[in-house]
């Protein structure tokens, strides 16, 4: 998967400068431009790419404040610990990235025919 690193880099840049939902648009644009063979490959690349970017960013923010904020947010949501909160965050980001990249790939297939 050549597009996974591209999605990871663009998602990390988008998450740094723009709102959280910009990673979906970044994955969609990469899926549109890169032209993966199937929509399943596009979904897998988007899932892995945004998952890597969001996990790095979430862990960076968690270590930056020694996990205090994640622990307090986990308490608000009645989660057992901050690791569960970070895991859910990464899962949501990965799913959104996969759907974004798959949407871009399927949009390209619409205009190809």
PDB file of N, CA and C in Angstrom:
ATOM      1  N   UNK A   1       0.834  -1.181   0.000  1.00  0.00           N
ATOM      2  CA  UNK A   1       0.000   0.000   0.000  1.00  0.00           C
ATOM      3  C   UNK A   1       0.879   1.244   0.000  1.00  0.00           C
ATOM      4  N   UNK A   2       0.969   1.842  -1.145  1.00  0.00           N
ATOM      5  CA  UNK A   2       1.780   3.039  -1.266  1.00  0.00           C
ATOM      6  C   UNK A   2       1.067   4.277  -0.743  1.00  0.00           C
ATOM      7  N   UNK A   3      -0.253   4.231  -0.680  1.00  0.00           N
ATOM      8  CA  UNK A   3      -0.969   5.438  -0.293  1.00  0.00           C
ATOM      9  C   UNK A   3      -1.123   5.589   1.218  1.00  0.00           C
ATOM     10  N   UNK A   4      -0.847   4.553   1.970  1.00  0.00           N
ATOM     11  CA  UNK A   4      -0.958   4.657   3.426  1.00  0.00           C
ATOM     12  C   UNK A   4      -0.013   5.706   4.011  1.00  0.00           C
ATOM     13  N   UNK A   5       1.269   5.732   3.609  1.00  0.00           N
ATOM     14  CA  UNK A   5       2.125   6.799   4.143  1.00  0.00           C
ATOM     15  C   UNK A   5       1.683   8.194   3.717  1.00  0.00           C
ATOM     16  N   UNK A   6       1.161   8.313   2.499  1.00  0.00           N
ATOM     17  CA  UNK A   6       0.660   9.617   2.057  1.00  0.00           C
ATOM     18  C   UNK A   6      -0.513  10.076   2.911  1.00  0.00           C
ATOM     19  N   UNK A   7      -1.403   9.146   3.207  1.00  0.00           N
ATOM     20  CA  UNK A   7      -2.556   9.482   4.045  1.00  0.00           C
ATOM     21  C   UNK A   7      -2.098   9.829   5.451  1.00  0.00           C
ATOM     22  N   UNK A   8      -1.131   9.085   5.977  1.00  0.00           N
ATOM     23  CA  UNK A   8      -0.627   9.363   7.324  1.00  0.00           C
ATOM     24  C   UNK A   8      -0.039  10.765   7.411  1.00  0.00           C
ATOM     25  N   UNK A   9       0.765  11.133   6.432  1.00  0.00           N
ATOM     26  CA  UNK A   9       1.411  12.451   6.453  1.00  0.00           C
ATOM     27  C   UNK A   9       0.391  13.563   6.279  1.00  0.00           C
ATOM     28  N   UNK A  10      -0.501  13.428   5.301  1.00  0.00           N
ATOM     29  CA  UNK A  10      -1.494  14.489   5.085  1.00  0.00           C
ATOM     30  C   UNK A  10      -2.492  14.577   6.240  1.00  0.00           C
ATOM     31  N   UNK A  11      -2.840  13.454   6.823  1.00  0.00           N
ATOM     32  CA  UNK A  11      -3.756  13.481   7.969  1.00  0.00           C
ATOM     33  C   UNK A  11      -3.094  14.132   9.178  1.00  0.00           C
ATOM     34  N   UNK A  12      -1.817  13.867   9.378  1.00  0.00           N
ATOM     35  CA  UNK A  12      -1.108  14.487  10.502  1.00  0.00           C
ATOM     36  C   UNK A  12      -1.011  15.997  10.316  1.00  0.00           C
ATOM     37  N   UNK A  13      -0.721  16.420   9.100  1.00  0.00           N
ATOM     38  CA  UNK A  13      -0.643  17.860   8.833  1.00  0.00           C
ATOM     39  C   UNK A  13      -2.019  18.497   8.966  1.00  0.00           C
ATOM     40  N   UNK A  14      -3.038  17.829   8.437  1.00  0.00           N
ATOM     41  CA  UNK A  14      -4.398  18.367   8.525  1.00  0.00           C
ATOM     42  C   UNK A  14      -4.868  18.451   9.976  1.00  0.00           C
ATOM     43  N   UNK A  15      -4.564  17.441  10.773  1.00  0.00           N
ATOM     44  CA  UNK A  15      -4.982  17.450  12.181  1.00  0.00           C
ATOM     45  C   UNK A  15      -4.256  18.532  12.978  1.00  0.00           C
ATOM     46  N   UNK A  16      -3.060  18.862  12.557  1.00  0.00           N
ATOM     47  CA  UNK A  16      -2.278  19.865  13.278  1.00  0.00           C
ATOM     48  C   UNK A  16      -2.810  21.273  13.021  1.00  0.00           C
ATOM     49  N   UNK A  17      -3.218  21.554  11.782  1.00  0.00           N
ATOM     50  CA  UNK A  17      -3.586  22.916  11.409  1.00  0.00           C
ATOM     51  C   UNK A  17      -5.088  23.169  11.296  1.00  0.00           C
ATOM     52  N   UNK A  18      -5.879  22.133  11.083  1.00  0.00           N
ATOM     53  CA  UNK A  18      -7.300  22.302  10.809  1.00  0.00           C
ATOM     54  C   UNK A  18      -8.128  21.524  11.817  1.00  0.00           C
ATOM     55  N   UNK A  19      -9.472  21.643  11.759  1.00  0.00           N
ATOM     56  CA  UNK A  19     -10.323  20.888  12.701  1.00  0.00           C
ATOM     57  C   UNK A  19     -10.168  19.381  12.536  1.00  0.00           C
ATOM     58  N   UNK A  20     -10.711  18.643  13.478  1.00  0.00           N
ATOM     59  CA  UNK A  20     -10.522  17.188  13.516  1.00  0.00           C
ATOM     60  C   UNK A  20     -11.066  16.504  12.280  1.00  0.00           C
ATOM     61  N   UNK A  21     -12.130  17.019  11.675  1.00  0.00           N
ATOM     62  CA  UNK A  21     -12.753  16.359  10.541  1.00  0.00           C
ATOM     63  C   UNK A  21     -11.974  16.561   9.245  1.00  0.00           C
ATOM     64  N   UNK A  22     -10.939  17.371   9.265  1.00  0.00           N
ATOM     65  CA  UNK A  22     -10.141  17.596   8.058  1.00  0.00           C
ATOM     66  C   UNK A  22      -9.364  16.350   7.644  1.00  0.00           C
ATOM     67  N   UNK A  23      -9.145  15.413   8.560  1.00  0.00           N
ATOM     68  CA  UNK A  23      -8.444  14.177   8.191  1.00  0.00           C
ATOM     69  C   UNK A  23      -9.282  13.340   7.233  1.00  0.00           C
ATOM     70  N   UNK A  24     -10.604  13.446   7.338  1.00  0.00           N
ATOM     71  CA  UNK A  24     -11.486  12.719   6.420  1.00  0.00           C
ATOM     72  C   UNK A  24     -11.360  13.297   5.016  1.00  0.00           C
ATOM     73  N   UNK A  25     -11.312  14.603   4.928  1.00  0.00           N
ATOM     74  CA  UNK A  25     -11.154  15.252   3.630  1.00  0.00           C
ATOM     75  C   UNK A  25      -9.782  14.940   3.041  1.00  0.00           C
ATOM     76  N   UNK A  26      -8.751  14.955   3.877  1.00  0.00           N
ATOM     77  CA  UNK A  26      -7.406  14.628   3.392  1.00  0.00           C
ATOM     78  C   UNK A  26      -7.342  13.197   2.868  1.00  0.00           C
ATOM     79  N   UNK A  27      -7.941  12.265   3.585  1.00  0.00           N
ATOM     80  CA  UNK A  27      -7.961  10.870   3.129  1.00  0.00           C
ATOM     81  C   UNK A  27      -8.784  10.732   1.854  1.00  0.00           C
ATOM     82  N   UNK A  28      -9.860  11.482   1.746  1.00  0.00           N
ATOM     83  CA  UNK A  28     -10.677  11.442   0.538  1.00  0.00           C
ATOM     84  C   UNK A  28      -9.939  11.982  -0.673  1.00  0.00           C
ATOM     85  N   UNK A  29      -9.201  13.047  -0.488  1.00  0.00           N
ATOM     86  CA  UNK A  29      -8.434  13.615  -1.604  1.00  0.00           C
ATOM     87  C   UNK A  29      -7.339  12.652  -2.051  1.00  0.00           C
ATOM     88  N   UNK A  30      -6.660  12.026  -1.099  1.00  0.00           N
ATOM     89  CA  UNK A  30      -5.635  11.049  -1.456  1.00  0.00           C
ATOM     90  C   UNK A  30      -6.266   9.853  -2.153  1.00  0.00           C
ATOM     91  N   UNK A  31      -7.418   9.401  -1.683  1.00  0.00           N
ATOM     92  CA  UNK A  31      -8.121   8.298  -2.337  1.00  0.00           C
ATOM     93  C   UNK A  31      -8.564   8.653  -3.740  1.00  0.00           C
ATOM     94  N   UNK A  32      -8.907   9.907  -3.958  1.00  0.00           N
ATOM     95  CA  UNK A  32      -9.324  10.375  -5.277  1.00  0.00           C
ATOM     96  C   UNK A  32      -8.145  10.455  -6.233  1.00  0.00           C
ATOM     97  N   UNK A  33      -7.027  10.936  -5.744  1.00  0.00           N
ATOM     98  CA  UNK A  33      -5.848  11.138  -6.603  1.00  0.00           C
ATOM     99  C   UNK A  33      -5.072   9.843  -6.826  1.00  0.00           C
ATOM    100  N   UNK A  34      -4.889   9.047  -5.771  1.00  0.00           N
ATOM    101  CA  UNK A  34      -4.005   7.874  -5.850  1.00  0.00           C
ATOM    102  C   UNK A  34      -4.587   6.725  -6.655  1.00  0.00           C
ATOM    103  N   UNK A  35      -5.893   6.653  -6.798  1.00  0.00           N
ATOM    104  CA  UNK A  35      -6.564   5.629  -7.593  1.00  0.00           C
ATOM    105  C   UNK A  35      -6.204   4.200  -7.153  1.00  0.00           C
ATOM    106  N   UNK A  36      -6.636   3.802  -5.932  1.00  0.00           N
ATOM    107  CA  UNK A  36      -6.402   2.412  -5.518  1.00  0.00           C
ATOM    108  C   UNK A  36      -7.207   1.447  -6.384  1.00  0.00           C
ATOM    109  N   UNK A  37      -6.769   0.189  -6.428  1.00  0.00           N
ATOM    110  CA  UNK A  37      -7.386  -0.803  -7.324  1.00  0.00           C
ATOM    111  C   UNK A  37      -8.829  -1.107  -6.940  1.00  0.00           C
ATOM    112  N   UNK A  38      -9.070  -1.302  -5.667  1.00  0.00           N
ATOM    113  CA  UNK A  38     -10.426  -1.622  -5.217  1.00  0.00           C
ATOM    114  C   UNK A  38     -10.823  -0.688  -4.073  1.00  0.00           C
ATOM    115  N   UNK A  39     -12.090  -0.660  -3.794  1.00  0.00           N
ATOM    116  CA  UNK A  39     -12.555   0.168  -2.685  1.00  0.00           C
ATOM    117  C   UNK A  39     -12.134  -0.424  -1.332  1.00  0.00           C
ATOM    118  N   UNK A  40     -11.960  -1.739  -1.285  1.00  0.00           N
ATOM    119  CA  UNK A  40     -11.495  -2.362  -0.036  1.00  0.00           C
ATOM    120  C   UNK A  40     -10.057  -1.949   0.280  1.00  0.00           C
ATOM    121  N   UNK A  41      -9.220  -1.876  -0.757  1.00  0.00           N
ATOM    122  CA  UNK A  41      -7.845  -1.408  -0.534  1.00  0.00           C
ATOM    123  C   UNK A  41      -7.827   0.060  -0.125  1.00  0.00           C
ATOM    124  N   UNK A  42      -8.723   0.843  -0.710  1.00  0.00           N
ATOM    125  CA  UNK A  42      -8.811   2.251  -0.332  1.00  0.00           C
ATOM    126  C   UNK A  42      -9.228   2.384   1.126  1.00  0.00           C
ATOM    127  N   UNK A  43     -10.214   1.572   1.529  1.00  0.00           N
ATOM    128  CA  UNK A  43     -10.659   1.620   2.922  1.00  0.00           C
ATOM    129  C   UNK A  43      -9.533   1.212   3.872  1.00  0.00           C
ATOM    130  N   UNK A  44      -8.817   0.150   3.518  1.00  0.00           N
ATOM    131  CA  UNK A  44      -7.721  -0.320   4.381  1.00  0.00           C
ATOM    132  C   UNK A  44      -6.614   0.723   4.491  1.00  0.00           C
ATOM    133  N   UNK A  45      -6.296   1.372   3.377  1.00  0.00           N
ATOM    134  CA  UNK A  45      -5.247   2.393   3.405  1.00  0.00           C
ATOM    135  C   UNK A  45      -5.673   3.592   4.241  1.00  0.00           C
ATOM    136  N   UNK A  46      -6.916   4.018   4.090  1.00  0.00           N
ATOM    137  CA  UNK A  46      -7.411   5.135   4.886  1.00  0.00           C
ATOM    138  C   UNK A  46      -7.504   4.793   6.360  1.00  0.00           C
ATOM    139  N   UNK A  47      -7.950   3.584   6.648  1.00  0.00           N
ATOM    140  CA  UNK A  47      -8.045   3.127   8.038  1.00  0.00           C
ATOM    141  C   UNK A  47      -6.671   3.128   8.699  1.00  0.00           C
ATOM    142  N   UNK A  48      -5.690   2.542   8.010  1.00  0.00           N
ATOM    143  CA  UNK A  48      -4.347   2.455   8.591  1.00  0.00           C
ATOM    144  C   UNK A  48      -3.671   3.822   8.655  1.00  0.00           C
ATOM    145  N   UNK A  49      -3.829   4.616   7.606  1.00  0.00           N
ATOM    146  CA  UNK A  49      -3.153   5.910   7.559  1.00  0.00           C
ATOM    147  C   UNK A  49      -3.644   6.873   8.617  1.00  0.00           C
ATOM    148  N   UNK A  50      -4.944   7.050   8.701  1.00  0.00           N
ATOM    149  CA  UNK A  50      -5.487   7.965   9.709  1.00  0.00           C
ATOM    150  C   UNK A  50      -5.328   7.373  11.106  1.00  0.00           C
ATOM    151  N   UNK A  51      -5.409   6.048  11.214  1.00  0.00           N
ATOM    152  CA  UNK A  51      -5.185   5.418  12.515  1.00  0.00           C
ATOM    153  C   UNK A  51      -3.784   5.680  13.049  1.00  0.00           C
ATOM    154  N   UNK A  52      -2.802   5.586  12.178  1.00  0.00           N
ATOM    155  CA  UNK A  52      -1.426   5.886  12.600  1.00  0.00           C
ATOM    156  C   UNK A  52      -1.260   7.354  12.978  1.00  0.00           C
ATOM    157  N   UNK A  53      -1.832   8.232  12.171  1.00  0.00           N
ATOM    158  CA  UNK A  53      -1.700   9.668  12.455  1.00  0.00           C
ATOM    159  C   UNK A  53      -2.399  10.036  13.760  1.00  0.00           C
ATOM    160  N   UNK A  54      -3.621   9.542  13.944  1.00  0.00           N
ATOM    161  CA  UNK A  54      -4.353   9.876  15.158  1.00  0.00           C
ATOM    162  C   UNK A  54      -3.750   9.229  16.395  1.00  0.00           C
ATOM    163  N   UNK A  55      -3.205   8.028  16.254  1.00  0.00           N
ATOM    164  CA  UNK A  55      -2.585   7.410  17.422  1.00  0.00           C
ATOM    165  C   UNK A  55      -1.338   8.178  17.839  1.00  0.00           C
ATOM    166  N   UNK A  56      -0.546   8.604  16.876  1.00  0.00           N
ATOM    167  CA  UNK A  56       0.643   9.391  17.216  1.00  0.00           C
ATOM    168  C   UNK A  56       0.253  10.713  17.857  1.00  0.00           C
ATOM    169  N   UNK A  57      -0.755  11.370  17.299  1.00  0.00           N
ATOM    170  CA  UNK A  57      -1.176  12.663  17.830  1.00  0.00           C
ATOM    171  C   UNK A  57      -1.826  12.520  19.207  1.00  0.00           C
ATOM    172  N   UNK A  58      -2.670  11.509  19.385  1.00  0.00           N
ATOM    173  CA  UNK A  58      -3.326  11.300  20.679  1.00  0.00           C
ATOM    174  C   UNK A  58      -2.310  10.929  21.759  1.00  0.00           C
ATOM    175  N   UNK A  59      -1.365  10.081  21.426  1.00  0.00           N
ATOM    176  CA  UNK A  59      -0.339   9.717  22.406  1.00  0.00           C
ATOM    177  C   UNK A  59       0.576  10.894  22.725  1.00  0.00           C
ATOM    178  N   UNK A  60       0.880  11.709  21.714  1.00  0.00           N
ATOM    179  CA  UNK A  60       1.690  12.912  21.946  1.00  0.00           C
ATOM    180  C   UNK A  60       0.982  13.844  22.920  1.00  0.00           C
ATOM    181  N   UNK A  61      -0.300  14.095  22.691  1.00  0.00           N
ATOM    182  CA  UNK A  61      -1.041  14.974  23.593  1.00  0.00           C
ATOM    183  C   UNK A  61      -1.187  14.360  24.984  1.00  0.00           C
ATOM    184  N   UNK A  62      -1.337  13.050  25.064  1.00  0.00           N
ATOM    185  CA  UNK A  62      -1.485  12.388  26.356  1.00  0.00           C
ATOM    186  C   UNK A  62      -0.181  12.452  27.159  1.00  0.00           C
ATOM    187  N   UNK A  63       0.930  12.231  26.497  1.00  0.00           N
ATOM    188  CA  UNK A  63       2.212  12.282  27.206  1.00  0.00           C
ATOM    189  C   UNK A  63       2.615  13.709  27.544  1.00  0.00           C
ATOM    190  N   UNK A  64       2.102  14.659  26.781  1.00  0.00           N
ATOM    191  CA  UNK A  64       2.451  16.051  27.022  1.00  0.00           C
ATOM    192  C   UNK A  64       1.926  16.533  28.376  1.00  0.00           C
ATOM    193  N   UNK A  65       0.767  16.032  28.786  1.00  0.00           N
ATOM    194  CA  UNK A  65       0.229  16.440  30.089  1.00  0.00           C
ATOM    195  C   UNK A  65       0.163  15.282  31.085  1.00  0.00           C
ATOM    196  N   UNK A  66       1.000  14.276  30.903  1.00  0.00           N
ATOM    197  CA  UNK A  66       1.111  13.114  31.777  1.00  0.00           C
ATOM    198  C   UNK A  66      -0.210  12.371  31.958  1.00  0.00           C
ATOM    199  N   UNK A  67      -1.087  12.426  30.983  1.00  0.00           N
ATOM    200  CA  UNK A  67      -2.331  11.680  31.012  1.00  0.00           C
ATOM    201  C   UNK A  67      -3.412  12.243  31.917  1.00  0.00           C
ATOM    202  N   UNK A  68      -3.213  13.448  32.435  1.00  0.00           N
ATOM    203  CA  UNK A  68      -4.203  14.012  33.351  1.00  0.00           C
ATOM    204  C   UNK A  68      -5.519  14.327  32.650  1.00  0.00           C
ATOM    205  N   UNK A  69      -5.454  14.966  31.498  1.00  0.00           N
ATOM    206  CA  UNK A  69      -6.674  15.350  30.793  1.00  0.00           C
ATOM    207  C   UNK A  69      -7.447  14.131  30.314  1.00  0.00           C
ATOM    208  N   UNK A  70      -6.753  13.159  29.742  1.00  0.00           N
ATOM    209  CA  UNK A  70      -7.428  11.947  29.271  1.00  0.00           C
ATOM    210  C   UNK A  70      -8.067  11.192  30.432  1.00  0.00           C
ATOM    211  N   UNK A  71      -7.418  11.180  31.568  1.00  0.00           N
ATOM    212  CA  UNK A  71      -7.994  10.520  32.741  1.00  0.00           C
ATOM    213  C   UNK A  71      -9.260  11.193  33.223  1.00  0.00           C
ATOM    214  N   UNK A  72      -9.275  12.527  33.205  1.00  0.00           N
ATOM    215  CA  UNK A  72     -10.471  13.248  33.640  1.00  0.00           C
ATOM    216  C   UNK A  72     -11.607  13.091  32.638  1.00  0.00           C
ATOM    217  N   UNK A  73     -11.289  13.088  31.347  1.00  0.00           N
ATOM    218  CA  UNK A  73     -12.327  12.894  30.335  1.00  0.00           C
ATOM    219  C   UNK A  73     -12.867  11.469  30.409  1.00  0.00           C
ATOM    220  N   UNK A  74     -11.994  10.497  30.654  1.00  0.00           N
ATOM    221  CA  UNK A  74     -12.448   9.111  30.804  1.00  0.00           C
ATOM    222  C   UNK A  74     -13.394   8.981  31.995  1.00  0.00           C
ATOM    223  N   UNK A  75     -13.130   9.713  33.047  1.00  0.00           N
ATOM    224  CA  UNK A  75     -14.012   9.696  34.211  1.00  0.00           C
ATOM    225  C   UNK A  75     -15.382  10.282  33.862  1.00  0.00           C
ATOM    226  N   UNK A  76     -15.402  11.355  33.072  1.00  0.00           N
ATOM    227  CA  UNK A  76     -16.670  11.967  32.677  1.00  0.00           C
ATOM    228  C   UNK A  76     -17.511  10.990  31.862  1.00  0.00           C
ATOM    229  N   UNK A  77     -16.875  10.230  30.972  1.00  0.00           N
ATOM    230  CA  UNK A  77     -17.589   9.272  30.135  1.00  0.00           C
ATOM    231  C   UNK A  77     -17.766   7.908  30.802  1.00  0.00           C
ATOM    232  N   UNK A  78     -17.405   7.785  32.068  1.00  0.00           N
ATOM    233  CA  UNK A  78     -17.535   6.545  32.842  1.00  0.00           C
ATOM    234  C   UNK A  78     -16.756   5.398  32.196  1.00  0.00           C
ATOM    235  N   UNK A  79     -15.570   5.704  31.693  1.00  0.00           N
ATOM    236  CA  UNK A  79     -14.683   4.686  31.136  1.00  0.00           C
ATOM    237  C   UNK A  79     -13.711   4.248  32.221  1.00  0.00           C
ATOM    238  N   UNK A  80     -13.210   3.030  32.145  1.00  0.00           N
ATOM    239  CA  UNK A  80     -12.340   2.534  33.219  1.00  0.00           C
ATOM    240  C   UNK A  80     -11.011   3.283  33.342  1.00  0.00           C
ATOM    241  N   UNK A  81     -10.424   3.686  32.206  1.00  0.00           N
ATOM    242  CA  UNK A  81      -9.143   4.392  32.265  1.00  0.00           C
ATOM    243  C   UNK A  81      -8.928   5.193  30.985  1.00  0.00           C
ATOM    244  N   UNK A  82      -7.839   5.932  30.966  1.00  0.00           N
ATOM    245  CA  UNK A  82      -7.565   6.786  29.806  1.00  0.00           C
ATOM    246  C   UNK A  82      -7.132   5.975  28.583  1.00  0.00           C
ATOM    247  N   UNK A  83      -6.619   4.781  28.775  1.00  0.00           N
ATOM    248  CA  UNK A  83      -6.228   3.941  27.643  1.00  0.00           C
ATOM    249  C   UNK A  83      -7.442   3.555  26.807  1.00  0.00           C
ATOM    250  N   UNK A  84      -8.550   3.300  27.461  1.00  0.00           N
ATOM    251  CA  UNK A  84      -9.786   2.985  26.746  1.00  0.00           C
ATOM    252  C   UNK A  84     -10.247   4.185  25.933  1.00  0.00           C
ATOM    253  N   UNK A  85     -10.152   5.364  26.510  1.00  0.00           N
ATOM    254  CA  UNK A  85     -10.541   6.577  25.800  1.00  0.00           C
ATOM    255  C   UNK A  85      -9.678   6.796  24.561  1.00  0.00           C
ATOM    256  N   UNK A  86      -8.380   6.618  24.691  1.00  0.00           N
ATOM    257  CA  UNK A  86      -7.474   6.796  23.557  1.00  0.00           C
ATOM    258  C   UNK A  86      -7.736   5.735  22.499  1.00  0.00           C
ATOM    259  N   UNK A  87      -8.011   4.508  22.915  1.00  0.00           N
ATOM    260  CA  UNK A  87      -8.308   3.443  21.958  1.00  0.00           C
ATOM    261  C   UNK A  87      -9.591   3.735  21.175  1.00  0.00           C
ATOM    262  N   UNK A  88     -10.601   4.227  21.852  1.00  0.00           N
ATOM    263  CA  UNK A  88     -11.851   4.574  21.172  1.00  0.00           C
ATOM    264  C   UNK A  88     -11.624   5.736  20.212  1.00  0.00           C
ATOM    265  N   UNK A  89     -10.823   6.696  20.625  1.00  0.00           N
ATOM    266  CA  UNK A  89     -10.497   7.835  19.764  1.00  0.00           C
ATOM    267  C   UNK A  89      -9.794   7.376  18.497  1.00  0.00           C
ATOM    268  N   UNK A  90      -8.828   6.485  18.641  1.00  0.00           N
ATOM    269  CA  UNK A  90      -8.093   5.976  17.483  1.00  0.00           C
ATOM    270  C   UNK A  90      -9.017   5.162  16.577  1.00  0.00           C
ATOM    271  N   UNK A  91      -9.897   4.372  17.159  1.00  0.00           N
ATOM    272  CA  UNK A  91     -10.843   3.581  16.366  1.00  0.00           C
ATOM    273  C   UNK A  91     -11.778   4.477  15.561  1.00  0.00           C
ATOM    274  N   UNK A  92     -12.307   5.519  16.173  1.00  0.00           N
ATOM    275  CA  UNK A  92     -13.196   6.438  15.463  1.00  0.00           C
ATOM    276  C   UNK A  92     -12.452   7.136  14.334  1.00  0.00           C
ATOM    277  N   UNK A  93     -11.241   7.609  14.605  1.00  0.00           N
ATOM    278  CA  UNK A  93     -10.452   8.252  13.557  1.00  0.00           C
ATOM    279  C   UNK A  93     -10.124   7.306  12.422  1.00  0.00           C
ATOM    280  N   UNK A  94      -9.805   6.073  12.752  1.00  0.00           N
ATOM    281  CA  UNK A  94      -9.486   5.084  11.720  1.00  0.00           C
ATOM    282  C   UNK A  94     -10.691   4.787  10.844  1.00  0.00           C
ATOM    283  N   UNK A  95     -11.840   4.611  11.460  1.00  0.00           N
ATOM    284  CA  UNK A  95     -13.057   4.354  10.689  1.00  0.00           C
ATOM    285  C   UNK A  95     -13.373   5.522   9.757  1.00  0.00           C
ATOM    286  N   UNK A  96     -13.265   6.737  10.269  1.00  0.00           N
ATOM    287  CA  UNK A  96     -13.541   7.901   9.439  1.00  0.00           C
ATOM    288  C   UNK A  96     -12.541   8.037   8.303  1.00  0.00           C
ATOM    289  N   UNK A  97     -11.284   7.749   8.569  1.00  0.00           N
ATOM    290  CA  UNK A  97     -10.279   7.796   7.514  1.00  0.00           C
ATOM    291  C   UNK A  97     -10.521   6.752   6.444  1.00  0.00           C
ATOM    292  N   UNK A  98     -10.917   5.569   6.859  1.00  0.00           N
ATOM    293  CA  UNK A  98     -11.226   4.522   5.891  1.00  0.00           C
ATOM    294  C   UNK A  98     -12.397   4.891   5.011  1.00  0.00           C
ATOM    295  N   UNK A  99     -13.456   5.422   5.619  1.00  0.00           N
ATOM    296  CA  UNK A  99     -14.615   5.824   4.833  1.00  0.00           C
ATOM    297  C   UNK A  99     -14.294   7.009   3.926  1.00  0.00           C
ATOM    298  N   UNK A 100     -13.452   7.922   4.397  1.00  0.00           N
ATOM    299  CA  UNK A 100     -13.078   9.062   3.567  1.00  0.00           C
ATOM    300  C   UNK A 100     -12.288   8.644   2.345  1.00  0.00           C
ATOM    301  N   UNK A 101     -11.303   7.775   2.531  1.00  0.00           N
ATOM    302  CA  UNK A 101     -10.487   7.315   1.406  1.00  0.00           C
ATOM    303  C   UNK A 101     -11.318   6.471   0.449  1.00  0.00           C
ATOM    304  N   UNK A 102     -12.194   5.651   0.971  1.00  0.00           N
ATOM    305  CA  UNK A 102     -13.048   4.842   0.108  1.00  0.00           C
ATOM    306  C   UNK A 102     -14.011   5.728  -0.687  1.00  0.00           C
ATOM    307  N   UNK A 103     -14.500   6.782  -0.075  1.00  0.00           N
ATOM    308  CA  UNK A 103     -15.377   7.712  -0.782  1.00  0.00           C
ATOM    309  C   UNK A 103     -14.638   8.391  -1.926  1.00  0.00           C
ATOM    310  N   UNK A 104     -13.399   8.815  -1.681  1.00  0.00           N
ATOM    311  CA  UNK A 104     -12.612   9.419  -2.746  1.00  0.00           C
ATOM    312  C   UNK A 104     -12.344   8.456  -3.889  1.00  0.00           C
ATOM    313  N   UNK A 105     -12.034   7.211  -3.566  1.00  0.00           N
ATOM    314  CA  UNK A 105     -11.766   6.207  -4.606  1.00  0.00           C
ATOM    315  C   UNK A 105     -13.019   5.896  -5.409  1.00  0.00           C
ATOM    316  N   UNK A 106     -14.159   5.794  -4.738  1.00  0.00           N
ATOM    317  CA  UNK A 106     -15.401   5.506  -5.456  1.00  0.00           C
ATOM    318  C   UNK A 106     -15.869   6.712  -6.271  1.00  0.00           C
ATOM    319  N   UNK A 107     -15.578   7.901  -5.803  1.00  0.00           N
ATOM    320  CA  UNK A 107     -15.908   9.096  -6.574  1.00  0.00           C
ATOM    321  C   UNK A 107     -15.109   9.143  -7.869  1.00  0.00           C
ATOM    322  N   UNK A 108     -13.862   8.733  -7.809  1.00  0.00           N
ATOM    323  CA  UNK A 108     -13.050   8.671  -9.026  1.00  0.00           C
ATOM    324  C   UNK A 108     -13.614   7.658 -10.005  1.00  0.00           C
ATOM    325  N   UNK A 109     -14.073   6.512  -9.494  1.00  0.00           N
ATOM    326  CA  UNK A 109     -14.625   5.470 -10.373  1.00  0.00           C
ATOM    327  C   UNK A 109     -15.910   5.935 -11.058  1.00  0.00           C
ATOM    328  N   UNK A 110     -16.665   6.830 -10.417  1.00  0.00           N
ATOM    329  CA  UNK A 110     -17.874   7.363 -11.036  1.00  0.00           C
ATOM    330  C   UNK A 110     -17.521   8.166 -12.287  1.00  0.00           C
ATOM    331  N   UNK A 111     -16.478   8.980 -12.191  1.00  0.00           N
ATOM    332  CA  UNK A 111     -16.116   9.855 -13.304  1.00  0.00           C
ATOM    333  C   UNK A 111     -15.262   9.170 -14.357  1.00  0.00           C
ATOM    334  N   UNK A 112     -14.717   7.999 -14.065  1.00  0.00           N
ATOM    335  CA  UNK A 112     -13.906   7.277 -15.043  1.00  0.00           C
ATOM    336  C   UNK A 112     -14.763   6.645 -16.131  1.00  0.00           C
ATOM    337  N   UNK A 113     -15.948   6.241 -15.819  1.00  0.00           N
ATOM    338  CA  UNK A 113     -16.780   5.504 -16.786  1.00  0.00           C
ATOM    339  C   UNK A 113     -17.565   6.412 -17.691  1.00  0.00           C
TER     340      UNK A 113
END
